[in-house]
């Protein structure tokens, strides 16, 4: 009985080793056989997005965003105030058409902590 179990385990182990060796060879052969008609690559995305310049003067924030690209860019101005009690602000989304410039403004009651502009490009 013991020799039968040992043979069974030996055969199972050998089968697993052979399957482990044969599987990569079969996958490699299948890839080589199917490489004649390769799928077309996705097109590279073109340049997009507005160039934005921000300025802080006291408690006022101004951002000018210019879009030189052919796709519309949607921008938002985000202002984080320095004081804990001062309310941070996010402007509404503004669409910047190709070749256009928009002005975004915001303010804090006291000092401005940080300012940034977020983008989302539409077709």
Protein backbone atom coordinates (compact mmCIF):
# COMPACT_ATOMS: atom_id res chain seq x y z
CA UNK A 1 0.00 0.00 0.00
CA UNK A 2 2.82 2.37 0.87
CA UNK A 3 4.61 1.86 -2.44
CA UNK A 4 1.39 2.72 -4.31
CA UNK A 5 1.04 5.99 -2.39
CA UNK A 6 4.68 6.85 -3.00
CA UNK A 7 4.31 6.13 -6.70
CA UNK A 8 1.15 8.23 -6.86
CA UNK A 9 2.84 11.19 -5.17
CA UNK A 10 5.90 10.78 -7.36
CA UNK A 11 3.76 10.76 -10.51
CA UNK A 12 1.78 13.82 -9.35
CA UNK A 13 4.99 15.70 -8.55
CA UNK A 14 6.50 14.76 -11.92
CA UNK A 15 3.33 15.85 -13.73
CA UNK A 16 3.37 19.20 -11.91
CA UNK A 17 7.03 19.76 -12.81
CA UNK A 18 6.41 18.90 -16.48
CA UNK A 19 3.35 21.16 -16.61
CA UNK A 20 5.36 23.98 -15.04
CA UNK A 21 8.06 23.61 -17.67
CA UNK A 22 5.71 23.13 -20.63
CA UNK A 23 3.32 26.02 -19.92
CA UNK A 24 5.78 28.88 -20.61
CA UNK A 25 6.96 27.15 -23.79
CA UNK A 26 3.37 26.82 -25.03
CA UNK A 27 2.57 30.46 -24.22
CA UNK A 28 5.73 31.63 -25.96
CA UNK A 29 4.88 29.56 -29.06
CA UNK A 30 1.34 30.91 -29.12
CA UNK A 31 2.61 34.49 -28.91
CA UNK A 32 5.04 33.91 -31.78
CA UNK A 33 2.31 32.34 -33.93
CA UNK A 34 -0.09 35.25 -33.35
CA UNK A 35 2.47 38.01 -33.83
CA UNK A 36 1.89 38.24 -37.58
CA UNK A 37 -1.26 40.35 -37.15
CA UNK A 38 -0.34 42.61 -34.26
CA UNK A 39 -2.96 44.95 -32.84
CA UNK A 40 -2.52 48.64 -33.71
CA UNK A 41 -1.06 50.78 -30.97
CA UNK A 42 -3.20 53.42 -29.32
CA UNK A 43 -2.47 56.93 -30.60
CA UNK A 44 -0.27 59.14 -28.44
CA UNK A 45 -2.32 61.82 -26.70
CA UNK A 46 -1.62 65.28 -28.03
CA UNK A 47 -0.54 68.15 -25.84
CA UNK A 48 -3.36 69.70 -23.87
CA UNK A 49 -4.12 71.83 -20.84
CA UNK A 50 -3.87 75.49 -20.06
CA UNK A 51 -0.82 77.30 -18.78
CA UNK A 52 -1.79 79.07 -15.57
CA UNK A 53 0.02 81.81 -13.66
CA UNK A 54 -1.06 82.66 -10.13
CA UNK A 55 -0.27 85.72 -8.06
CA UNK A 56 -0.98 86.55 -4.43
CA UNK A 57 -1.25 90.15 -3.27
CA UNK A 58 -2.11 90.37 0.43
CA UNK A 59 -5.28 88.36 0.85
CA UNK A 60 -6.27 88.39 -2.85
CA UNK A 61 -5.45 85.64 -5.34
CA UNK A 62 -5.51 85.99 -9.13
CA UNK A 63 -4.86 83.33 -11.75
CA UNK A 64 -4.63 83.80 -15.51
CA UNK A 65 -5.00 80.61 -17.57
CA UNK A 66 -4.23 80.57 -21.31
CA UNK A 67 -5.07 77.56 -23.48
CA UNK A 68 -2.86 77.34 -26.61
CA UNK A 69 -4.09 73.85 -27.55
CA UNK A 70 -7.04 72.74 -29.76
CA UNK A 71 -8.97 71.03 -26.92
CA UNK A 72 -11.04 72.79 -24.27
CA UNK A 73 -9.57 72.81 -20.76
CA UNK A 74 -11.69 73.14 -17.62
CA UNK A 75 -9.88 74.91 -14.77
CA UNK A 76 -10.65 75.58 -11.10
CA UNK A 77 -8.81 77.86 -8.68
CA UNK A 78 -8.19 76.42 -5.20
CA UNK A 79 -7.24 78.74 -2.34
CA UNK A 80 -6.14 77.52 1.07
CA UNK A 81 -6.10 80.24 3.71
CA UNK A 82 -3.38 80.40 6.36
CA UNK A 83 -5.67 80.91 9.38
CA UNK A 84 -7.57 77.91 10.72
CA UNK A 85 -10.81 79.89 11.02
CA UNK A 86 -10.60 81.32 7.50
CA UNK A 87 -12.70 79.41 4.97
CA UNK A 88 -10.76 77.75 2.13
CA UNK A 89 -12.30 78.20 -1.31
CA UNK A 90 -12.62 76.36 -4.60
CA UNK A 91 -13.87 78.34 -7.58
CA UNK A 92 -16.48 77.03 -9.94
CA UNK A 93 -15.22 75.24 -13.04
CA UNK A 94 -14.45 77.53 -15.98
CA UNK A 95 -14.02 76.25 -19.54
CA UNK A 96 -11.01 77.69 -21.36
CA UNK A 97 -11.64 77.49 -25.09
CA UNK A 98 -8.71 77.00 -27.50
CA UNK A 99 -6.67 80.19 -27.88
CA UNK A 100 -8.44 81.96 -25.00
CA UNK A 101 -7.38 83.32 -21.61
CA UNK A 102 -9.53 83.41 -18.48
CA UNK A 103 -9.05 85.24 -15.19
CA UNK A 104 -9.89 83.53 -11.90
CA UNK A 105 -10.02 85.44 -8.60
CA UNK A 106 -10.46 84.56 -4.96
CA UNK A 107 -9.56 85.89 -1.53
CA UNK A 108 -9.05 85.05 2.13
CA UNK A 109 -9.94 87.29 5.07
CA UNK A 110 -6.30 87.33 6.18
CA UNK A 111 -3.20 85.61 4.77
CA UNK A 112 -3.20 83.13 1.91
CA UNK A 113 -1.59 79.76 2.70
CA UNK A 114 -1.38 78.15 -0.75
CA UNK A 115 -2.93 78.40 -4.20
CA UNK A 116 -3.21 75.95 -7.09
CA UNK A 117 -5.19 75.40 -10.28
CA UNK A 118 -6.67 72.02 -11.25
CA UNK A 119 -7.31 70.99 -14.87
CA UNK A 120 -9.60 68.57 -16.66
CA UNK A 121 -9.34 68.44 -20.44
CA UNK A 122 -12.43 67.84 -22.58
CA UNK A 123 -12.54 66.96 -26.26
